[in-house]
C-alpha atoms as a PDB file:
ATOM      1  CA  MET A   1      16.222  72.191  62.646  1.00  0.00           C
ATOM      2  CA  ILE A   2      16.198  70.621  59.244  1.00  0.00           C
ATOM      3  CA  SER A   3      14.895  67.163  58.733  1.00  0.00           C
ATOM      4  CA  GLY A   4      17.881  65.039  57.817  1.00  0.00           C
ATOM      5  CA  SER A   5      20.318  67.928  58.146  1.00  0.00           C
ATOM      6  CA  PHE A   6      19.536  69.183  61.642  1.00  0.00           C
ATOM      7  CA  ILE A   7      19.191  66.652  64.378  1.00  0.00           C
ATOM      8  CA  SER A   8      15.911  67.586  66.015  1.00  0.00           C
ATOM      9  CA  SER A   9      12.430  66.306  66.550  1.00  0.00           C
ATOM     10  CA  ALA A  10       9.224  68.034  65.535  1.00  0.00           C
ATOM     11  CA  ALA A  11       8.247  68.026  69.191  1.00  0.00           C
ATOM     12  CA  ASP A  12      11.315  70.091  70.127  1.00  0.00           C
ATOM     13  CA  LYS A  13       9.899  73.494  71.047  1.00  0.00           C
ATOM     14  CA  ASN A  14      13.101  75.382  71.876  1.00  0.00           C
ATOM     15  CA  TYR A  15      14.077  75.810  68.200  1.00  0.00           C
ATOM     16  CA  SER A  16      17.768  75.970  68.986  1.00  0.00           C
ATOM     17  CA  SER A  17      20.093  74.096  66.711  1.00  0.00           C
ATOM     18  CA  SER A  18      23.140  74.677  64.587  1.00  0.00           C
ATOM     19  CA  PRO A  19      22.305  75.586  60.997  1.00  0.00           C
ATOM     20  CA  ALA A  20      23.453  73.049  58.447  1.00  0.00           C
ATOM     21  CA  ILE A  21      25.221  74.192  55.309  1.00  0.00           C
ATOM     22  CA  THR A  22      23.823  71.382  53.195  1.00  0.00           C
ATOM     23  CA  VAL A  23      20.120  70.916  52.679  1.00  0.00           C
ATOM     24  CA  GLU A  24      18.369  69.053  49.939  1.00  0.00           C
ATOM     25  CA  GLN A  25      15.161  69.436  47.988  1.00  0.00           C
ATOM     26  CA  GLY A  26      12.174  68.493  50.090  1.00  0.00           C
ATOM     27  CA  ASP A  27      13.936  68.931  53.437  1.00  0.00           C
ATOM     28  CA  TYR A  28      11.676  70.401  56.108  1.00  0.00           C
ATOM     29  CA  VAL A  29      13.199  73.462  57.794  1.00  0.00           C
ATOM     30  CA  GLN A  30      12.126  74.753  61.186  1.00  0.00           C
ATOM     31  CA  ALA A  31      14.211  77.536  62.732  1.00  0.00           C
ATOM     32  CA  VAL A  32      14.439  81.060  64.092  1.00  0.00           C
ATOM     33  CA  GLY A  33      16.080  83.696  61.928  1.00  0.00           C
ATOM     34  CA  THR A  34      16.345  87.386  61.116  1.00  0.00           C
ATOM     35  CA  VAL A  35      14.760  88.937  58.040  1.00  0.00           C
ATOM     36  CA  ILE A  36      17.270  90.870  55.934  1.00  0.00           C
ATOM     37  CA  LEU A  37      17.320  92.411  52.484  1.00  0.00           C
ATOM     38  CA  LYS A  38      20.087  91.098  50.235  1.00  0.00           C
ATOM     39  CA  GLY A  39      20.065  93.383  47.216  1.00  0.00           C
ATOM     40  CA  ASP A  40      16.377  93.357  46.340  1.00  0.00           C
ATOM     41  CA  ILE A  41      15.671  89.848  47.693  1.00  0.00           C
ATOM     42  CA  TRP A  42      14.145  89.167  51.105  1.00  0.00           C
ATOM     43  CA  ILE A  43      16.155  86.599  53.070  1.00  0.00           C
ATOM     44  CA  ILE A  44      15.754  84.877  56.413  1.00  0.00           C
ATOM     45  CA  ARG A  45      19.215  84.478  57.950  1.00  0.00           C
ATOM     46  CA  VAL A  46      19.691  81.729  60.523  1.00  0.00           C
ATOM     47  CA  SER A  47      22.910  81.952  62.512  1.00  0.00           C
ATOM     48  CA  GLU A  48      24.352  80.223  65.522  1.00  0.00           C
ATOM     49  CA  ASN A  49      27.956  80.025  66.620  1.00  0.00           C
ATOM     50  CA  ASN A  50      29.960  80.535  63.409  1.00  0.00           C
ATOM     51  CA  ASP A  51      27.388  78.997  61.026  1.00  0.00           C
ATOM     52  CA  ILE A  52      25.155  81.152  58.829  1.00  0.00           C
ATOM     53  CA  VAL A  53      22.460  79.875  56.478  1.00  0.00           C
ATOM     54  CA  ASP A  54      20.412  82.212  54.274  1.00  0.00           C
ATOM     55  CA  TYR A  55      16.963  81.103  53.130  1.00  0.00           C
ATOM     56  CA  ALA A  56      15.274  82.827  50.174  1.00  0.00           C
ATOM     57  CA  PRO A  57      11.557  82.283  50.815  1.00  0.00           C
ATOM     58  CA  LEU A  58       9.377  82.314  47.716  1.00  0.00           C
ATOM     59  CA  ASN A  59       6.288  83.330  49.678  1.00  0.00           C
ATOM     60  CA  LEU A  60       7.387  85.683  52.473  1.00  0.00           C
ATOM     61  CA  PRO A  61       4.240  87.630  53.433  1.00  0.00           C
ATOM     62  CA  LYS A  62       4.460  91.428  53.035  1.00  0.00           C
ATOM     63  CA  ASN A  63       3.905  92.045  56.744  1.00  0.00           C
ATOM     64  CA  TYR A  64       7.126  90.071  57.452  1.00  0.00           C
ATOM     65  CA  GLN A  65       9.213  92.019  54.933  1.00  0.00           C
ATOM     66  CA  ARG A  66      10.903  94.207  57.539  1.00  0.00           C
ATOM     67  CA  VAL A  67      14.661  94.314  57.999  1.00  0.00           C
ATOM     68  CA  GLY A  68      15.667  93.062  61.441  1.00  0.00           C
ATOM     69  CA  MET A  69      12.422  91.247  62.240  1.00  0.00           C
ATOM     70  CA  VAL A  70      13.111  87.995  64.085  1.00  0.00           C
ATOM     71  CA  VAL A  71      10.830  85.180  62.972  1.00  0.00           C
ATOM     72  CA  LYS A  72      10.133  81.565  63.844  1.00  0.00           C
ATOM     73  CA  PHE A  73       9.427  79.789  60.565  1.00  0.00           C
ATOM     74  CA  ALA A  74       8.959  76.426  58.934  1.00  0.00           C
ATOM     75  CA  GLY A  75       8.884  75.319  55.334  1.00  0.00           C
ATOM     76  CA  ASN A  76      10.129  73.022  52.614  1.00  0.00           C
ATOM     77  CA  VAL A  77      13.299  73.440  50.583  1.00  0.00           C
ATOM     78  CA  LYS A  78      12.527  73.846  46.883  1.00  0.00           C
ATOM     79  CA  TYR A  79      14.805  72.738  44.073  1.00  0.00           C
ATOM     80  CA  ILE A  80      16.423  75.376  41.898  1.00  0.00           C
ATOM     81  CA  SER A  81      18.964  74.353  39.267  1.00  0.00           C
ATOM     82  CA  ASP A  82      22.678  74.817  39.943  1.00  0.00           C
ATOM     83  CA  THR A  83      22.883  77.358  37.134  1.00  0.00           C
ATOM     84  CA  ASP A  84      20.485  79.770  38.864  1.00  0.00           C
ATOM     85  CA  ARG A  85      22.171  82.335  41.069  1.00  0.00           C
ATOM     86  CA  LEU A  86      20.534  82.456  44.442  1.00  0.00           C
ATOM     87  CA  ALA A  87      20.773  84.737  47.425  1.00  0.00           C
ATOM     88  CA  GLY A  88      19.951  81.786  49.673  1.00  0.00           C
ATOM     89  CA  ILE A  89      18.407  78.347  49.867  1.00  0.00           C
ATOM     90  CA  THR A  90      15.000  78.510  48.194  1.00  0.00           C
ATOM     91  CA  LEU A  91      12.200  77.808  50.643  1.00  0.00           C
ATOM     92  CA  VAL A  92       8.409  77.588  50.543  1.00  0.00           C
ATOM     93  CA  ILE A  93       7.177  78.819  53.937  1.00  0.00           C
ATOM     94  CA  THR A  94       4.401  76.809  55.583  1.00  0.00           C
ATOM     95  CA  GLN A  95       4.398  78.642  58.931  1.00  0.00           C
ATOM     96  CA  ILE A  96       5.836  81.941  60.134  1.00  0.00           C
ATOM     97  CA  LYS A  97       5.505  83.983  63.322  1.00  0.00           C
ATOM     98  CA  SER A  98       7.243  87.101  64.629  1.00  0.00           C
ATOM     99  CA  VAL A  99       9.177  86.610  67.865  1.00  0.00           C
ATOM    100  CA  ASN A 100      10.136  90.239  68.550  1.00  0.00           C
END
């Protein structure tokens, strides 16, 4: 559920949507994903059907840094230059909650 990239309303409480490959700076993301460790970087992986989107949150709280934890989260996409190598789409989390 990404504003502009996912077709969803903020009032939609089921949080089921297909991840979009393209997101832009400032997009609002709201989804359910699994916390994984990619190298030494914490990632939230959102997958549905054959689509996978990895988000690299800049402010993932320590108590959510557990491999395999399923979380419901929301946040804003942050711009990082094309020359930076990223493990996922950079995100500033505004809300997060464990669902398992």
